[in-house]
Protein backbone atom coordinates (compact mmCIF):
# COMPACT_ATOMS: atom_id res chain seq x y z
CA MET A 1 23.91 65.19 23.97
CA SER A 2 23.54 68.12 22.34
CA GLU A 3 26.39 70.70 21.09
CA ARG A 4 27.14 73.65 23.78
CA LYS A 5 25.92 76.73 21.92
CA SER A 6 27.73 79.52 23.71
CA TYR A 7 30.28 79.38 26.36
CA TYR A 8 29.62 83.25 26.91
CA LYS A 9 27.64 85.05 28.11
CA TYR A 10 27.90 87.71 25.76
CA VAL A 11 29.14 88.26 22.05
CA PRO A 12 32.39 88.69 22.21
CA SER A 13 33.96 91.43 19.98
CA VAL A 14 36.64 91.02 17.22
CA ALA A 15 36.83 94.58 16.95
CA ALA A 16 37.57 95.49 20.50
CA ALA A 17 39.04 92.62 20.61
CA GLY A 18 41.97 93.31 18.02
CA ILE A 19 42.64 96.98 19.61
CA PHE A 20 43.70 95.29 22.88
CA VAL A 21 45.89 93.05 20.61
CA ALA A 22 47.47 95.28 19.16
CA LEU A 23 47.34 97.66 22.16
CA PHE A 24 49.16 94.77 24.58
CA ALA A 25 51.51 93.47 21.55
CA ALA A 26 52.97 96.61 20.88
CA LEU A 27 53.50 97.49 24.54
CA ALA A 28 55.49 94.14 25.24
CA GLY A 29 57.80 94.95 22.46
CA PHE A 30 58.14 98.01 23.99
CA HIS A 31 59.54 96.85 27.73
CA LEU A 32 61.09 94.32 26.28
CA PHE A 33 62.83 95.99 24.44
CA ARG A 34 63.88 98.02 27.00
CA THR A 35 64.12 95.43 29.34
CA LEU A 36 67.26 93.95 27.41
CA LYS A 37 68.80 97.60 26.42
CA THR A 38 68.77 98.77 30.26
CA ARG A 39 69.45 95.18 31.92
CA THR A 40 65.66 96.50 34.39
CA TRP A 41 64.85 92.55 34.84
CA PHE A 42 62.25 93.87 37.59
CA CYS A 43 60.18 94.58 34.67
CA ILE A 44 59.55 91.50 32.86
CA PRO A 45 56.53 90.49 34.86
CA LEU A 46 55.17 93.88 33.04
CA VAL A 47 56.53 91.97 29.21
CA LEU A 48 55.07 88.47 30.84
CA GLY A 49 51.54 90.41 32.21
CA ALA A 50 50.89 92.30 28.11
CA VAL A 51 51.76 88.99 26.63
CA PHE A 52 48.97 87.66 28.80
CA GLU A 53 46.93 89.96 27.90
CA VAL A 54 47.81 89.12 23.99
CA ILE A 55 46.92 85.83 24.25
CA GLY A 56 43.67 86.12 25.97
CA PHE A 57 42.33 88.69 24.08
CA PHE A 58 43.38 86.74 21.12
CA CYS A 59 41.70 83.92 22.26
CA ARG A 60 38.37 86.14 23.15
CA ALA A 61 38.86 87.07 19.42
CA LEU A 62 38.45 83.26 18.23
CA GLY A 63 35.65 83.05 20.57
CA LYS A 64 33.30 85.40 18.39
CA SER A 65 33.78 82.36 15.45
CA LYS A 66 33.58 79.36 17.89
CA PRO A 67 31.45 80.45 20.09
CA ASN A 68 31.04 76.90 21.38
CA VAL A 69 34.89 75.28 21.78
CA LEU A 70 36.21 75.36 25.96
CA LEU A 71 39.85 75.76 25.59
CA PRO A 72 39.97 79.48 24.09
CA TYR A 73 37.68 80.20 26.88
CA ILE A 74 39.37 78.59 29.31
CA ILE A 75 42.15 80.91 28.22
CA GLN A 76 40.84 84.09 27.69
CA ASN A 77 39.09 83.96 30.76
CA LEU A 78 42.35 82.95 32.91
CA PHE A 79 45.39 85.06 30.90
CA ILE A 80 42.83 88.49 30.86
CA LEU A 81 41.92 87.80 34.89
CA LEU A 82 45.71 87.27 35.63
CA ALA A 83 47.90 89.62 33.70
CA PRO A 84 47.52 91.90 36.32
CA ILE A 85 48.70 90.68 38.78
CA LEU A 86 52.35 90.64 37.28
CA PHE A 87 52.09 93.53 36.29
CA ALA A 88 51.78 94.40 40.37
CA ALA A 89 54.86 92.22 41.21
CA SER A 90 56.76 94.91 38.48
CA VAL A 91 55.15 97.75 40.21
CA TYR A 92 56.40 96.31 43.51
CA MET A 93 59.36 95.42 42.59
CA PHE A 94 59.79 99.44 41.26
CA LEU A 95 59.04 100.61 44.30
CA ALA A 96 62.51 98.20 46.21
CA ARG A 97 64.73 99.98 43.60
CA ILE A 98 63.62 103.79 43.65
CA ILE A 99 64.26 103.42 47.64
CA GLY A 100 67.03 101.97 46.94
CA ALA A 101 68.04 103.84 44.77
CA THR A 102 67.42 106.84 46.93
CA ASN A 103 69.96 105.19 49.52
CA THR A 104 66.57 106.19 51.58
CA SER A 105 65.25 102.38 53.14
CA HIS A 106 65.56 104.19 56.66
CA HIS A 107 61.88 106.34 55.80
CA SER A 108 60.51 103.14 54.69
CA ILE A 109 58.26 101.08 57.23
CA ILE A 110 59.11 98.20 55.78
CA ARG A 111 62.92 97.01 55.24
CA ILE A 112 63.86 97.45 51.41
CA ASN A 113 65.12 93.38 51.48
CA TRP A 114 61.54 92.49 52.82
CA VAL A 115 59.83 94.73 50.19
CA THR A 116 59.74 92.69 47.50
CA ARG A 117 60.31 89.46 49.35
CA ILE A 118 56.49 90.17 51.22
CA PHE A 119 55.06 91.53 48.15
CA VAL A 120 55.78 89.42 45.28
CA GLY A 121 54.68 86.44 47.56
CA GLY A 122 51.40 87.82 48.60
CA ASP A 123 51.36 88.48 44.35
CA VAL A 124 51.95 84.76 43.76
CA LEU A 125 49.92 83.47 46.27
CA CYS A 126 46.54 85.90 44.99
CA PHE A 127 47.58 84.37 41.19
CA LEU A 128 47.47 80.51 42.64
CA VAL A 129 43.90 81.44 44.13
CA GLN A 130 42.76 83.46 40.91
CA ALA A 131 44.41 80.83 38.41
CA ALA A 132 42.16 77.86 40.87
CA GLY A 133 38.77 79.63 40.86
CA GLY A 134 39.63 80.59 37.15
CA GLY A 135 40.06 76.73 36.62
CA ILE A 136 37.08 75.61 38.29
CA LEU A 137 34.52 78.56 36.61
CA ALA A 138 35.44 77.56 33.42
CA SER A 139 35.36 73.75 33.80
CA SER A 140 31.72 73.90 35.76
CA ASN A 141 29.44 72.10 34.48
CA SER A 142 26.93 72.84 37.91
CA ASN A 143 25.37 75.81 39.08
CA SER A 144 27.20 74.92 42.64
CA SER A 145 30.66 74.23 40.58
CA ALA A 146 30.50 78.19 38.89
CA ASP A 147 29.47 79.55 42.61
CA LEU A 148 32.05 77.98 43.66
CA GLY A 149 34.86 79.20 41.31
CA LYS A 150 33.56 82.62 41.51
CA GLY A 151 33.96 82.53 45.46
CA VAL A 152 37.34 81.33 45.00
CA ILE A 153 38.24 84.04 42.48
CA LEU A 154 36.57 86.99 44.36
CA ALA A 155 38.16 85.65 47.30
CA GLY A 156 41.81 86.03 45.17
CA LEU A 157 40.56 89.70 44.21
CA CYS A 158 40.04 90.65 47.21
CA LEU A 159 42.51 89.74 49.20
CA GLN A 160 45.15 91.42 45.78
CA MET A 161 43.30 94.46 46.54
CA VAL A 162 44.21 94.38 50.07
CA ILE A 163 47.75 93.82 49.34
CA PHE A 164 47.85 96.45 47.10
CA GLY A 165 46.36 98.77 49.59
CA PHE A 166 49.18 98.12 52.01
CA PHE A 167 52.11 98.33 49.65
CA VAL A 168 50.49 101.71 48.17
CA LEU A 169 50.13 102.71 52.18
CA VAL A 170 53.86 101.78 52.35
CA ALA A 171 54.76 104.02 49.61
CA ALA A 172 52.84 106.81 50.47
CA ILE A 173 54.25 107.14 53.89
CA TRP A 174 58.12 106.52 52.06
CA GLN A 175 56.96 109.38 50.07
CA MET A 176 55.67 111.58 53.43
CA ARG A 177 58.62 111.18 55.10
CA MET A 178 61.36 112.33 52.50
CA ASN A 179 59.29 115.24 51.92
CA GLN A 180 59.63 115.94 55.27
CA ASP A 181 63.55 115.67 55.08
CA GLY A 182 63.07 117.36 52.46
CA ALA A 183 64.92 114.64 49.98
CA ARG A 184 68.15 115.39 50.86
CA GLY A 185 71.17 113.13 49.49
CA HIS A 186 73.42 113.08 47.17
CA THR A 187 71.72 110.66 45.65
CA LEU A 188 68.57 112.72 45.13
CA LYS A 189 70.38 115.57 43.19
CA SER A 190 70.19 112.94 39.57
CA PHE A 191 67.81 111.17 40.42
CA ASN A 192 64.34 112.19 40.16
CA TRP A 193 62.74 110.26 42.67
CA LEU A 194 59.08 111.79 42.40
CA LEU A 195 58.96 111.70 38.76
CA TYR A 196 59.39 107.80 38.97
CA LEU A 197 56.85 107.45 42.46
CA GLN A 198 53.95 109.69 40.70
CA MET A 199 54.45 106.99 37.68
CA LEU A 200 54.26 104.16 40.02
CA TYR A 201 51.20 105.62 41.86
CA ILE A 202 49.82 106.74 37.71
CA VAL A 203 49.95 102.32 37.54
CA SER A 204 48.31 101.36 41.07
CA ILE A 205 45.16 103.40 40.54
CA LEU A 206 44.86 101.84 37.19
CA ILE A 207 45.76 97.92 38.33
CA THR A 208 43.09 99.03 41.45
CA VAL A 209 40.29 100.11 39.70
CA ARG A 210 40.64 96.83 36.81
CA ASN A 211 40.49 94.63 40.17
CA LEU A 212 37.61 96.61 41.59
CA PHE A 213 35.59 96.53 38.50
CA ARG A 214 36.67 92.65 38.40
CA VAL A 215 35.47 92.89 42.20
CA ILE A 216 31.94 93.98 41.80
CA GLU A 217 31.41 91.94 38.52
CA TYR A 218 32.32 89.02 40.46
CA ALA A 219 30.68 89.78 43.33
CA MET A 220 26.85 90.52 41.46
CA GLY A 221 27.70 88.06 39.06
CA ARG A 222 29.30 87.23 34.82
CA GLU A 223 24.93 87.14 33.84
């Protein structure tokens, strides 16, 4: 039996992968330091997501010199695919803390103690679905099993986009009600909730764009 020449449909760029490794390593280190210093434990998934990206892009760089080695291919495929789900988990918990810090849970369409449970629970489900699909795709040895893996991943990505879209809607409705209320309350005088919410929106846009790109990628095929 002849050895497979390459698991990749492209030639991995060591330079591009190296840039992303350095970028996400810096982000992981910075956020880990801030998390430990401020004890904001909800940022742990964000740190883990950055670590996933570092490992994923490092293994992708290995694909340049070892394109026929299966393990680095599987790791880069899974870790880069799953990292944004961990980023989303921190975003979900961040909104709950913004609402709690402003003492305005009555403006949320979901009870504050359920915000994290619902969205992080959905995030875990998306993680498991995409991990299963990634595993099937990475280890596929036929077109049918590869198509199955792509289909499972696509289903997980679509589910994640639906959940994330609902999350953004929840945040937007809360902001609208805050604006209608004039953002009154003694807790708001020393807490710039709008700045933090805008940061949340920016991260949400980046995650959404990335998910949309991956949906198109798996829907149209990766060849």
